[in-house]
Each structure stands twice: as C-alpha cells, then as structure tokens.
Amino acid sequence: MGRKGRIAIQRDLCKGCKYCVLACPKGILEIESTLNKLGYFPARSKKGNSCTGCALCARMCPEIAIEVWAED
C-alpha cells in the first residue's frame, strides 16, 4: 500500500497562483470557481484525492497557505 497524505489549504490566504496545482505530481489540486474574501479563486484538493504527502504543493506556495501531513 502506498503512502497516504492529508492536505489543508487556508482558503482565505490563497491568491490562486496555481503553483501548487502545477507542482502536484498526482494532479489532485484544482482552482475553485468561487472567490475567497481577498477576491481570488483559491486552490482546493479534489474529492477522493490520492495525496501521498510529498508536500511539493506546500513548498511551492508563496503565501504559505498549505499544510500537508504524511500518514502511515
């Protein structure tokens, strides 16, 4: 069984730059179609995602809006 991860994106810190979407090797992130309180379309993880906890998305985020946990 592969490694499993969990991701949390602070919606109101995200500026929708898409760096995390481009960095994710599993393609589990997408941009929402509704604005956050800053007026940006933030990122979110897709339902039923297959996150491995690699944290590439968090490392790419210039706003430090993403937290990732790897689970065994």
PDB file of N, CA and C in Angstrom:
ATOM      1  N   MET A   1       0.837  -1.170   0.000  1.00  0.00           N
ATOM      2  CA  MET A   1       0.000   0.000   0.000  1.00  0.00           C
ATOM      3  C   MET A   1       0.889   1.244   0.000  1.00  0.00           C
ATOM      4  N   GLY A   2       0.552   2.257  -0.810  1.00  0.00           N
ATOM      5  CA  GLY A   2       1.342   3.479  -0.925  1.00  0.00           C
ATOM      6  C   GLY A   2       1.147   4.417   0.245  1.00  0.00           C
ATOM      7  N   ARG A   3       1.986   5.389   0.273  1.00  0.00           N
ATOM      8  CA  ARG A   3       1.918   6.397   1.320  1.00  0.00           C
ATOM      9  C   ARG A   3       0.680   7.271   1.129  1.00  0.00           C
ATOM     10  N   LYS A   4       0.079   7.676   2.219  1.00  0.00           N
ATOM     11  CA  LYS A   4      -1.138   8.484   2.196  1.00  0.00           C
ATOM     12  C   LYS A   4      -0.841   9.824   2.857  1.00  0.00           C
ATOM     13  N   GLY A   5      -1.438  10.865   2.331  1.00  0.00           N
ATOM     14  CA  GLY A   5      -1.232  12.186   2.901  1.00  0.00           C
ATOM     15  C   GLY A   5      -2.544  12.918   3.056  1.00  0.00           C
ATOM     16  N   ARG A   6      -2.463  14.011   3.789  1.00  0.00           N
ATOM     17  CA  ARG A   6      -3.628  14.853   4.003  1.00  0.00           C
ATOM     18  C   ARG A   6      -3.192  16.289   3.770  1.00  0.00           C
ATOM     19  N   ILE A   7      -4.023  17.076   3.100  1.00  0.00           N
ATOM     20  CA  ILE A   7      -3.684  18.446   2.753  1.00  0.00           C
ATOM     21  C   ILE A   7      -4.752  19.395   3.283  1.00  0.00           C
ATOM     22  N   ALA A   8      -4.301  20.552   3.775  1.00  0.00           N
ATOM     23  CA  ALA A   8      -5.214  21.605   4.221  1.00  0.00           C
ATOM     24  C   ALA A   8      -4.758  22.914   3.586  1.00  0.00           C
ATOM     25  N   ILE A   9      -5.670  23.578   2.904  1.00  0.00           N
ATOM     26  CA  ILE A   9      -5.373  24.856   2.263  1.00  0.00           C
ATOM     27  C   ILE A   9      -6.171  25.942   2.977  1.00  0.00           C
ATOM     28  N   GLN A  10      -5.490  26.957   3.452  1.00  0.00           N
ATOM     29  CA  GLN A  10      -6.159  28.088   4.083  1.00  0.00           C
ATOM     30  C   GLN A  10      -6.727  28.959   2.962  1.00  0.00           C
ATOM     31  N   ARG A  11      -7.972  28.744   2.693  1.00  0.00           N
ATOM     32  CA  ARG A  11      -8.668  29.323   1.551  1.00  0.00           C
ATOM     33  C   ARG A  11      -8.507  30.834   1.445  1.00  0.00           C
ATOM     34  N   ASP A  12      -8.572  31.530   2.559  1.00  0.00           N
ATOM     35  CA  ASP A  12      -8.528  32.984   2.513  1.00  0.00           C
ATOM     36  C   ASP A  12      -7.116  33.566   2.465  1.00  0.00           C
ATOM     37  N   LEU A  13      -6.090  32.728   2.512  1.00  0.00           N
ATOM     38  CA  LEU A  13      -4.714  33.175   2.283  1.00  0.00           C
ATOM     39  C   LEU A  13      -4.292  32.949   0.839  1.00  0.00           C
ATOM     40  N   CYS A  14      -4.938  32.038   0.168  1.00  0.00           N
ATOM     41  CA  CYS A  14      -4.561  31.633  -1.193  1.00  0.00           C
ATOM     42  C   CYS A  14      -4.886  32.729  -2.202  1.00  0.00           C
ATOM     43  N   LYS A  15      -3.929  33.020  -3.083  1.00  0.00           N
ATOM     44  CA  LYS A  15      -4.131  34.022  -4.133  1.00  0.00           C
ATOM     45  C   LYS A  15      -4.325  33.384  -5.510  1.00  0.00           C
ATOM     46  N   GLY A  16      -4.500  32.069  -5.557  1.00  0.00           N
ATOM     47  CA  GLY A  16      -4.806  31.392  -6.813  1.00  0.00           C
ATOM     48  C   GLY A  16      -3.697  31.427  -7.847  1.00  0.00           C
ATOM     49  N   CYS A  17      -2.455  31.417  -7.418  1.00  0.00           N
ATOM     50  CA  CYS A  17      -1.320  31.499  -8.356  1.00  0.00           C
ATOM     51  C   CYS A  17      -1.131  30.224  -9.183  1.00  0.00           C
ATOM     52  N   LYS A  18      -1.690  29.130  -8.725  1.00  0.00           N
ATOM     53  CA  LYS A  18      -1.637  27.815  -9.389  1.00  0.00           C
ATOM     54  C   LYS A  18      -0.282  27.108  -9.290  1.00  0.00           C
ATOM     55  N   TYR A  19       0.655  27.644  -8.527  1.00  0.00           N
ATOM     56  CA  TYR A  19       1.944  26.964  -8.370  1.00  0.00           C
ATOM     57  C   TYR A  19       1.761  25.572  -7.774  1.00  0.00           C
ATOM     58  N   CYS A  20       0.872  25.452  -6.803  1.00  0.00           N
ATOM     59  CA  CYS A  20       0.626  24.150  -6.173  1.00  0.00           C
ATOM     60  C   CYS A  20      -0.014  23.176  -7.162  1.00  0.00           C
ATOM     61  N   VAL A  21      -0.934  23.681  -7.970  1.00  0.00           N
ATOM     62  CA  VAL A  21      -1.603  22.839  -8.971  1.00  0.00           C
ATOM     63  C   VAL A  21      -0.578  22.277  -9.950  1.00  0.00           C
ATOM     64  N   LEU A  22       0.339  23.117 -10.385  1.00  0.00           N
ATOM     65  CA  LEU A  22       1.372  22.690 -11.332  1.00  0.00           C
ATOM     66  C   LEU A  22       2.410  21.771 -10.685  1.00  0.00           C
ATOM     67  N   ALA A  23       2.670  21.945  -9.392  1.00  0.00           N
ATOM     68  CA  ALA A  23       3.691  21.161  -8.696  1.00  0.00           C
ATOM     69  C   ALA A  23       3.225  19.767  -8.289  1.00  0.00           C
ATOM     70  N   CYS A  24       1.927  19.563  -8.125  1.00  0.00           N
ATOM     71  CA  CYS A  24       1.420  18.289  -7.613  1.00  0.00           C
ATOM     72  C   CYS A  24       1.624  17.157  -8.621  1.00  0.00           C
ATOM     73  N   PRO A  25       2.421  16.139  -8.258  1.00  0.00           N
ATOM     74  CA  PRO A  25       2.666  15.041  -9.191  1.00  0.00           C
ATOM     75  C   PRO A  25       1.439  14.135  -9.402  1.00  0.00           C
ATOM     76  N   LYS A  26       0.484  14.194  -8.487  1.00  0.00           N
ATOM     77  CA  LYS A  26      -0.715  13.367  -8.598  1.00  0.00           C
ATOM     78  C   LYS A  26      -1.882  14.114  -9.247  1.00  0.00           C
ATOM     79  N   GLY A  27      -1.748  15.419  -9.458  1.00  0.00           N
ATOM     80  CA  GLY A  27      -2.814  16.198 -10.076  1.00  0.00           C
ATOM     81  C   GLY A  27      -4.077  16.290  -9.237  1.00  0.00           C
ATOM     82  N   ILE A  28      -3.922  16.368  -7.917  1.00  0.00           N
ATOM     83  CA  ILE A  28      -5.102  16.357  -7.049  1.00  0.00           C
ATOM     84  C   ILE A  28      -5.623  17.745  -6.696  1.00  0.00           C
ATOM     85  N   LEU A  29      -4.916  18.782  -7.130  1.00  0.00           N
ATOM     86  CA  LEU A  29      -5.346  20.138  -6.800  1.00  0.00           C
ATOM     87  C   LEU A  29      -5.995  20.811  -7.998  1.00  0.00           C
ATOM     88  N   GLU A  30      -6.926  21.704  -7.694  1.00  0.00           N
ATOM     89  CA  GLU A  30      -7.618  22.461  -8.732  1.00  0.00           C
ATOM     90  C   GLU A  30      -7.927  23.841  -8.187  1.00  0.00           C
ATOM     91  N   ILE A  31      -8.346  24.734  -9.063  1.00  0.00           N
ATOM     92  CA  ILE A  31      -8.718  26.084  -8.657  1.00  0.00           C
ATOM     93  C   ILE A  31     -10.236  26.156  -8.550  1.00  0.00           C
ATOM     94  N   GLU A  32     -10.700  26.726  -7.447  1.00  0.00           N
ATOM     95  CA  GLU A  32     -12.146  26.856  -7.217  1.00  0.00           C
ATOM     96  C   GLU A  32     -12.762  27.859  -8.190  1.00  0.00           C
ATOM     97  N   SER A  33     -14.064  27.797  -8.315  1.00  0.00           N
ATOM     98  CA  SER A  33     -14.776  28.731  -9.188  1.00  0.00           C
ATOM     99  C   SER A  33     -15.468  29.841  -8.397  1.00  0.00           C
ATOM    100  N   THR A  34     -15.254  29.873  -7.068  1.00  0.00           N
ATOM    101  CA  THR A  34     -15.810  30.945  -6.239  1.00  0.00           C
ATOM    102  C   THR A  34     -14.667  31.718  -5.582  1.00  0.00           C
ATOM    103  N   LEU A  35     -14.868  32.994  -5.414  1.00  0.00           N
ATOM    104  CA  LEU A  35     -13.843  33.869  -4.854  1.00  0.00           C
ATOM    105  C   LEU A  35     -13.708  33.707  -3.343  1.00  0.00           C
ATOM    106  N   ASN A  36     -12.488  33.929  -2.850  1.00  0.00           N
ATOM    107  CA  ASN A  36     -12.292  33.990  -1.404  1.00  0.00           C
ATOM    108  C   ASN A  36     -12.473  35.441  -0.962  1.00  0.00           C
ATOM    109  N   LYS A  37     -12.249  35.736   0.323  1.00  0.00           N
ATOM    110  CA  LYS A  37     -12.520  37.086   0.818  1.00  0.00           C
ATOM    111  C   LYS A  37     -11.541  38.132   0.278  1.00  0.00           C
ATOM    112  N   LEU A  38     -10.420  37.698  -0.281  1.00  0.00           N
ATOM    113  CA  LEU A  38      -9.466  38.625  -0.892  1.00  0.00           C
ATOM    114  C   LEU A  38      -9.782  38.899  -2.362  1.00  0.00           C
ATOM    115  N   GLY A  39     -10.757  38.157  -2.914  1.00  0.00           N
ATOM    116  CA  GLY A  39     -11.131  38.346  -4.309  1.00  0.00           C
ATOM    117  C   GLY A  39     -10.369  37.473  -5.289  1.00  0.00           C
ATOM    118  N   TYR A  40      -9.772  36.386  -4.800  1.00  0.00           N
ATOM    119  CA  TYR A  40      -9.029  35.442  -5.637  1.00  0.00           C
ATOM    120  C   TYR A  40      -9.787  34.117  -5.716  1.00  0.00           C
ATOM    121  N   PHE A  41      -9.496  33.352  -6.759  1.00  0.00           N
ATOM    122  CA  PHE A  41     -10.020  31.991  -6.881  1.00  0.00           C
ATOM    123  C   PHE A  41      -8.976  31.066  -6.245  1.00  0.00           C
ATOM    124  N   PRO A  42      -9.240  30.537  -5.051  1.00  0.00           N
ATOM    125  CA  PRO A  42      -8.239  29.742  -4.344  1.00  0.00           C
ATOM    126  C   PRO A  42      -8.154  28.291  -4.843  1.00  0.00           C
ATOM    127  N   ALA A  43      -7.072  27.651  -4.458  1.00  0.00           N
ATOM    128  CA  ALA A  43      -6.875  26.238  -4.765  1.00  0.00           C
ATOM    129  C   ALA A  43      -7.624  25.376  -3.764  1.00  0.00           C
ATOM    130  N   ARG A  44      -7.928  24.151  -4.173  1.00  0.00           N
ATOM    131  CA  ARG A  44      -8.529  23.157  -3.281  1.00  0.00           C
ATOM    132  C   ARG A  44      -8.114  21.782  -3.765  1.00  0.00           C
ATOM    133  N   SER A  45      -8.238  20.804  -2.882  1.00  0.00           N
ATOM    134  CA  SER A  45      -7.954  19.432  -3.300  1.00  0.00           C
ATOM    135  C   SER A  45      -9.244  18.822  -3.845  1.00  0.00           C
ATOM    136  N   LYS A  46      -9.086  17.999  -4.862  1.00  0.00           N
ATOM    137  CA  LYS A  46     -10.238  17.340  -5.479  1.00  0.00           C
ATOM    138  C   LYS A  46     -10.781  16.275  -4.543  1.00  0.00           C
ATOM    139  N   LYS A  47     -12.061  16.003  -4.643  1.00  0.00           N
ATOM    140  CA  LYS A  47     -12.667  14.947  -3.834  1.00  0.00           C
ATOM    141  C   LYS A  47     -12.065  13.601  -4.213  1.00  0.00           C
ATOM    142  N   GLY A  48     -11.880  12.757  -3.205  1.00  0.00           N
ATOM    143  CA  GLY A  48     -11.313  11.434  -3.454  1.00  0.00           C
ATOM    144  C   GLY A  48      -9.863  11.500  -3.895  1.00  0.00           C
ATOM    145  N   ASN A  49      -9.146  12.510  -3.419  1.00  0.00           N
ATOM    146  CA  ASN A  49      -7.768  12.704  -3.874  1.00  0.00           C
ATOM    147  C   ASN A  49      -6.863  11.562  -3.441  1.00  0.00           C
ATOM    148  N   SER A  50      -5.728  11.467  -4.095  1.00  0.00           N
ATOM    149  CA  SER A  50      -4.761  10.412  -3.795  1.00  0.00           C
ATOM    150  C   SER A  50      -3.442  11.023  -3.328  1.00  0.00           C
ATOM    151  N   CYS A  51      -3.536  11.969  -2.403  1.00  0.00           N
ATOM    152  CA  CYS A  51      -2.361  12.660  -1.867  1.00  0.00           C
ATOM    153  C   CYS A  51      -1.409  11.656  -1.218  1.00  0.00           C
ATOM    154  N   THR A  52      -0.119  11.827  -1.503  1.00  0.00           N
ATOM    155  CA  THR A  52       0.901  10.965  -0.909  1.00  0.00           C
ATOM    156  C   THR A  52       1.670  11.665   0.206  1.00  0.00           C
ATOM    157  N   GLY A  53       1.375  12.939   0.441  1.00  0.00           N
ATOM    158  CA  GLY A  53       2.065  13.675   1.491  1.00  0.00           C
ATOM    159  C   GLY A  53       3.445  14.155   1.090  1.00  0.00           C
ATOM    160  N   CYS A  54       3.704  14.275  -0.204  1.00  0.00           N
ATOM    161  CA  CYS A  54       5.030  14.691  -0.673  1.00  0.00           C
ATOM    162  C   CYS A  54       5.332  16.150  -0.328  1.00  0.00           C
ATOM    163  N   ALA A  55       4.311  16.967  -0.153  1.00  0.00           N
ATOM    164  CA  ALA A  55       4.405  18.376   0.252  1.00  0.00           C
ATOM    165  C   ALA A  55       5.023  19.296  -0.799  1.00  0.00           C
ATOM    166  N   LEU A  56       5.092  18.880  -2.040  1.00  0.00           N
ATOM    167  CA  LEU A  56       5.582  19.772  -3.092  1.00  0.00           C
ATOM    168  C   LEU A  56       4.691  21.000  -3.217  1.00  0.00           C
ATOM    169  N   CYS A  57       3.406  20.814  -3.050  1.00  0.00           N
ATOM    170  CA  CYS A  57       2.468  21.932  -3.131  1.00  0.00           C
ATOM    171  C   CYS A  57       2.774  22.975  -2.060  1.00  0.00           C
ATOM    172  N   ALA A  58       3.018  22.530  -0.850  1.00  0.00           N
ATOM    173  CA  ALA A  58       3.301  23.442   0.259  1.00  0.00           C
ATOM    174  C   ALA A  58       4.621  24.175   0.048  1.00  0.00           C
ATOM    175  N   ARG A  59       5.608  23.490  -0.495  1.00  0.00           N
ATOM    176  CA  ARG A  59       6.903  24.123  -0.760  1.00  0.00           C
ATOM    177  C   ARG A  59       6.814  25.184  -1.848  1.00  0.00           C
ATOM    178  N   MET A  60       5.900  25.015  -2.794  1.00  0.00           N
ATOM    179  CA  MET A  60       5.748  25.969  -3.889  1.00  0.00           C
ATOM    180  C   MET A  60       4.887  27.170  -3.526  1.00  0.00           C
ATOM    181  N   CYS A  61       4.114  27.076  -2.468  1.00  0.00           N
ATOM    182  CA  CYS A  61       3.148  28.120  -2.121  1.00  0.00           C
ATOM    183  C   CYS A  61       3.827  29.376  -1.569  1.00  0.00           C
ATOM    184  N   PRO A  62       3.769  30.494  -2.308  1.00  0.00           N
ATOM    185  CA  PRO A  62       4.406  31.719  -1.834  1.00  0.00           C
ATOM    186  C   PRO A  62       3.664  32.362  -0.661  1.00  0.00           C
ATOM    187  N   GLU A  63       2.429  31.985  -0.446  1.00  0.00           N
ATOM    188  CA  GLU A  63       1.624  32.561   0.633  1.00  0.00           C
ATOM    189  C   GLU A  63       1.639  31.711   1.908  1.00  0.00           C
ATOM    190  N   ILE A  64       2.310  30.575   1.871  1.00  0.00           N
ATOM    191  CA  ILE A  64       2.368  29.625   2.988  1.00  0.00           C
ATOM    192  C   ILE A  64       0.953  29.276   3.454  1.00  0.00           C
ATOM    193  N   ALA A  65       0.105  28.976   2.492  1.00  0.00           N
ATOM    194  CA  ALA A  65      -1.311  28.704   2.765  1.00  0.00           C
ATOM    195  C   ALA A  65      -1.635  27.215   2.796  1.00  0.00           C
ATOM    196  N   ILE A  66      -0.628  26.350   2.625  1.00  0.00           N
ATOM    197  CA  ILE A  66      -0.874  24.910   2.523  1.00  0.00           C
ATOM    198  C   ILE A  66      -0.096  24.160   3.607  1.00  0.00           C
ATOM    199  N   GLU A  67      -0.794  23.244   4.263  1.00  0.00           N
ATOM    200  CA  GLU A  67      -0.167  22.328   5.203  1.00  0.00           C
ATOM    201  C   GLU A  67      -0.412  20.905   4.713  1.00  0.00           C
ATOM    202  N   VAL A  68       0.606  20.074   4.853  1.00  0.00           N
ATOM    203  CA  VAL A  68       0.498  18.681   4.408  1.00  0.00           C
ATOM    204  C   VAL A  68       0.998  17.767   5.515  1.00  0.00           C
ATOM    205  N   TRP A  69       0.278  16.678   5.733  1.00  0.00           N
ATOM    206  CA  TRP A  69       0.664  15.657   6.697  1.00  0.00           C
ATOM    207  C   TRP A  69       0.775  14.326   5.971  1.00  0.00           C
ATOM    208  N   ALA A  70       1.868  13.628   6.221  1.00  0.00           N
ATOM    209  CA  ALA A  70       2.022  12.274   5.689  1.00  0.00           C
ATOM    210  C   ALA A  70       1.552  11.297   6.762  1.00  0.00           C
ATOM    211  N   GLU A  71       0.750  10.338   6.354  1.00  0.00           N
ATOM    212  CA  GLU A  71       0.216   9.339   7.264  1.00  0.00           C
ATOM    213  C   GLU A  71       0.727   7.967   6.865  1.00  0.00           C
ATOM    214  N   ASP A  72       0.990   7.133   7.846  1.00  0.00           N
ATOM    215  CA  ASP A  72       1.446   5.759   7.556  1.00  0.00           C
ATOM    216  C   ASP A  72       0.294   4.808   7.442  1.00  0.00           C
TER     217      ASP A  72
END
